[in-house]
Amino acid sequence: MSKSFGYKFQDYFMEYGPVEAGSLEAAKAQIRKRLGVNRLPLGLQVWDLAEHPLTRWRVDAAS
């Protein structure tokens, strides 16, 4: 069964995803491939979107 995962870099506000994978480890492998790295950056957070949906950012227009 495939799940959706999101990820976020340490000290950044932007959240990325969804990444479709069967497990957290498979999601991390896909993220490594997507970023073109052998190891995930320190502090990278990965979570199941069923537990915490991606935050949709909205910028208010200046008046």
N, C-alpha and C. Protein backbone atom coordinates (compact mmCIF):
# COMPACT_ATOMS: atom_id res chain seq x y z
N MET A 1 0.84 -1.18 0.00
CA MET A 1 0.00 0.00 0.00
C MET A 1 0.89 1.24 0.00
N SER A 2 0.59 2.15 -0.89
CA SER A 2 1.38 3.37 -1.03
C SER A 2 0.84 4.47 -0.12
N LYS A 3 1.76 5.18 0.50
CA LYS A 3 1.43 6.30 1.37
C LYS A 3 2.04 7.57 0.78
N SER A 4 1.62 8.70 1.28
CA SER A 4 2.19 9.98 0.86
C SER A 4 3.01 10.57 2.00
N PHE A 5 4.18 11.10 1.66
CA PHE A 5 5.07 11.67 2.65
C PHE A 5 5.44 13.09 2.24
N GLY A 6 5.75 13.91 3.23
CA GLY A 6 6.23 15.26 3.00
C GLY A 6 7.60 15.40 3.63
N TYR A 7 8.32 16.44 3.21
CA TYR A 7 9.63 16.68 3.83
C TYR A 7 9.93 18.16 3.90
N LYS A 8 10.83 18.50 4.80
CA LYS A 8 11.17 19.89 5.07
C LYS A 8 12.62 19.95 5.52
N PHE A 9 13.34 20.94 5.02
CA PHE A 9 14.73 21.14 5.43
C PHE A 9 14.76 21.86 6.77
N GLN A 10 15.79 21.56 7.56
CA GLN A 10 15.96 22.20 8.86
C GLN A 10 16.09 23.71 8.67
N ASP A 11 15.40 24.46 9.51
CA ASP A 11 15.44 25.92 9.51
C ASP A 11 14.77 26.57 8.30
N TYR A 12 14.02 25.82 7.50
CA TYR A 12 13.27 26.38 6.38
C TYR A 12 11.79 26.27 6.69
N PHE A 13 10.98 27.19 6.17
CA PHE A 13 9.54 27.14 6.43
C PHE A 13 8.79 26.37 5.35
N MET A 14 9.38 26.22 4.16
CA MET A 14 8.70 25.58 3.04
C MET A 14 8.68 24.06 3.21
N GLU A 15 7.51 23.46 2.97
CA GLU A 15 7.36 22.00 3.03
C GLU A 15 7.19 21.48 1.61
N TYR A 16 7.77 20.31 1.34
CA TYR A 16 7.76 19.73 0.00
C TYR A 16 7.05 18.39 0.00
N GLY A 17 6.53 18.00 -1.14
CA GLY A 17 5.86 16.73 -1.29
C GLY A 17 4.69 16.89 -2.24
N PRO A 18 3.88 15.92 -2.38
CA PRO A 18 3.99 14.61 -1.73
C PRO A 18 4.94 13.67 -2.45
N VAL A 19 5.49 12.75 -1.70
CA VAL A 19 6.32 11.67 -2.22
C VAL A 19 5.52 10.39 -1.95
N GLU A 20 5.21 9.65 -3.01
CA GLU A 20 4.45 8.40 -2.88
C GLU A 20 5.42 7.25 -2.66
N ALA A 21 5.24 6.52 -1.55
CA ALA A 21 6.11 5.39 -1.24
C ALA A 21 5.39 4.42 -0.30
N GLY A 22 5.90 3.22 -0.22
CA GLY A 22 5.30 2.19 0.62
C GLY A 22 5.68 2.30 2.08
N SER A 23 6.80 2.97 2.37
CA SER A 23 7.26 3.09 3.75
C SER A 23 8.08 4.38 3.90
N LEU A 24 8.38 4.72 5.13
CA LEU A 24 9.19 5.90 5.41
C LEU A 24 10.58 5.74 4.80
N GLU A 25 11.18 4.57 4.89
CA GLU A 25 12.52 4.34 4.33
C GLU A 25 12.51 4.47 2.82
N ALA A 26 11.46 3.96 2.17
CA ALA A 26 11.34 4.10 0.71
C ALA A 26 11.16 5.56 0.32
N ALA A 27 10.42 6.31 1.12
CA ALA A 27 10.25 7.74 0.87
C ALA A 27 11.58 8.47 0.98
N LYS A 28 12.37 8.13 1.99
CA LYS A 28 13.69 8.75 2.16
C LYS A 28 14.59 8.44 0.96
N ALA A 29 14.51 7.20 0.45
CA ALA A 29 15.31 6.83 -0.72
C ALA A 29 14.89 7.65 -1.93
N GLN A 30 13.60 7.87 -2.11
CA GLN A 30 13.12 8.69 -3.23
C GLN A 30 13.55 10.13 -3.08
N ILE A 31 13.54 10.65 -1.87
CA ILE A 31 13.96 12.03 -1.63
C ILE A 31 15.45 12.17 -1.92
N ARG A 32 16.26 11.19 -1.50
CA ARG A 32 17.70 11.22 -1.82
C ARG A 32 17.90 11.27 -3.34
N LYS A 33 17.15 10.45 -4.06
CA LYS A 33 17.25 10.41 -5.52
C LYS A 33 16.81 11.74 -6.12
N ARG A 34 15.72 12.30 -5.61
CA ARG A 34 15.19 13.58 -6.09
C ARG A 34 16.20 14.70 -5.88
N LEU A 35 16.91 14.67 -4.74
CA LEU A 35 17.89 15.71 -4.43
C LEU A 35 19.26 15.42 -5.05
N GLY A 36 19.46 14.19 -5.53
CA GLY A 36 20.74 13.82 -6.14
C GLY A 36 21.87 13.68 -5.14
N VAL A 37 21.55 13.16 -3.95
CA VAL A 37 22.56 12.99 -2.90
C VAL A 37 22.58 11.55 -2.40
N ASN A 38 23.70 11.15 -1.79
CA ASN A 38 23.80 9.81 -1.21
C ASN A 38 23.25 9.77 0.21
N ARG A 39 23.32 10.91 0.91
CA ARG A 39 22.82 11.00 2.29
C ARG A 39 21.88 12.19 2.37
N LEU A 40 20.84 12.03 3.17
CA LEU A 40 19.92 13.15 3.36
C LEU A 40 20.60 14.24 4.19
N PRO A 41 20.31 15.49 3.90
CA PRO A 41 20.90 16.58 4.69
C PRO A 41 20.54 16.45 6.17
N LEU A 42 21.45 16.87 7.02
CA LEU A 42 21.22 16.83 8.46
C LEU A 42 19.99 17.65 8.82
N GLY A 43 19.15 17.12 9.65
CA GLY A 43 17.97 17.85 10.11
C GLY A 43 16.78 17.79 9.19
N LEU A 44 16.88 17.08 8.05
CA LEU A 44 15.74 16.96 7.15
C LEU A 44 14.63 16.19 7.85
N GLN A 45 13.43 16.74 7.83
CA GLN A 45 12.28 16.09 8.47
C GLN A 45 11.42 15.43 7.40
N VAL A 46 11.04 14.17 7.63
CA VAL A 46 10.16 13.44 6.72
C VAL A 46 9.01 12.90 7.55
N TRP A 47 7.77 13.05 7.05
CA TRP A 47 6.60 12.59 7.81
C TRP A 47 5.51 12.08 6.89
N ASP A 48 4.61 11.29 7.47
CA ASP A 48 3.44 10.75 6.77
C ASP A 48 2.39 11.86 6.68
N LEU A 49 1.93 12.13 5.46
CA LEU A 49 0.96 13.21 5.26
C LEU A 49 -0.41 12.90 5.87
N ALA A 50 -0.68 11.63 6.19
CA ALA A 50 -1.93 11.29 6.87
C ALA A 50 -1.93 11.83 8.30
N GLU A 51 -0.74 11.96 8.89
CA GLU A 51 -0.62 12.47 10.26
C GLU A 51 -0.48 13.98 10.31
N HIS A 52 0.18 14.55 9.30
CA HIS A 52 0.41 16.00 9.26
C HIS A 52 0.41 16.44 7.79
N PRO A 53 -0.70 17.01 7.30
CA PRO A 53 -0.76 17.45 5.90
C PRO A 53 0.24 18.57 5.62
N LEU A 54 0.57 18.74 4.35
CA LEU A 54 1.46 19.82 3.95
C LEU A 54 0.80 21.16 4.28
N THR A 55 1.60 22.10 4.74
CA THR A 55 1.12 23.44 5.01
C THR A 55 1.10 24.21 3.69
N ARG A 56 -0.02 24.79 3.38
CA ARG A 56 -0.15 25.60 2.17
C ARG A 56 0.12 27.05 2.55
N TRP A 57 1.18 27.59 2.00
CA TRP A 57 1.58 28.95 2.35
C TRP A 57 0.83 29.94 1.49
N ARG A 58 0.43 31.05 2.09
CA ARG A 58 -0.27 32.10 1.38
C ARG A 58 0.36 33.44 1.77
N VAL A 59 0.69 34.22 0.77
CA VAL A 59 1.26 35.53 1.04
C VAL A 59 0.15 36.56 0.84
N ASP A 60 -0.11 37.36 1.86
CA ASP A 60 -1.11 38.41 1.75
C ASP A 60 -0.58 39.55 0.90
N ALA A 61 -1.43 40.07 0.03
CA ALA A 61 -1.03 41.19 -0.82
C ALA A 61 -0.88 42.45 0.05
N ALA A 62 0.16 43.20 -0.22
CA ALA A 62 0.38 44.45 0.51
C ALA A 62 -0.64 45.49 0.05
N SER A 63 -1.11 46.30 0.96
CA SER A 63 -2.09 47.31 0.56
C SER A 63 -1.44 48.62 0.18
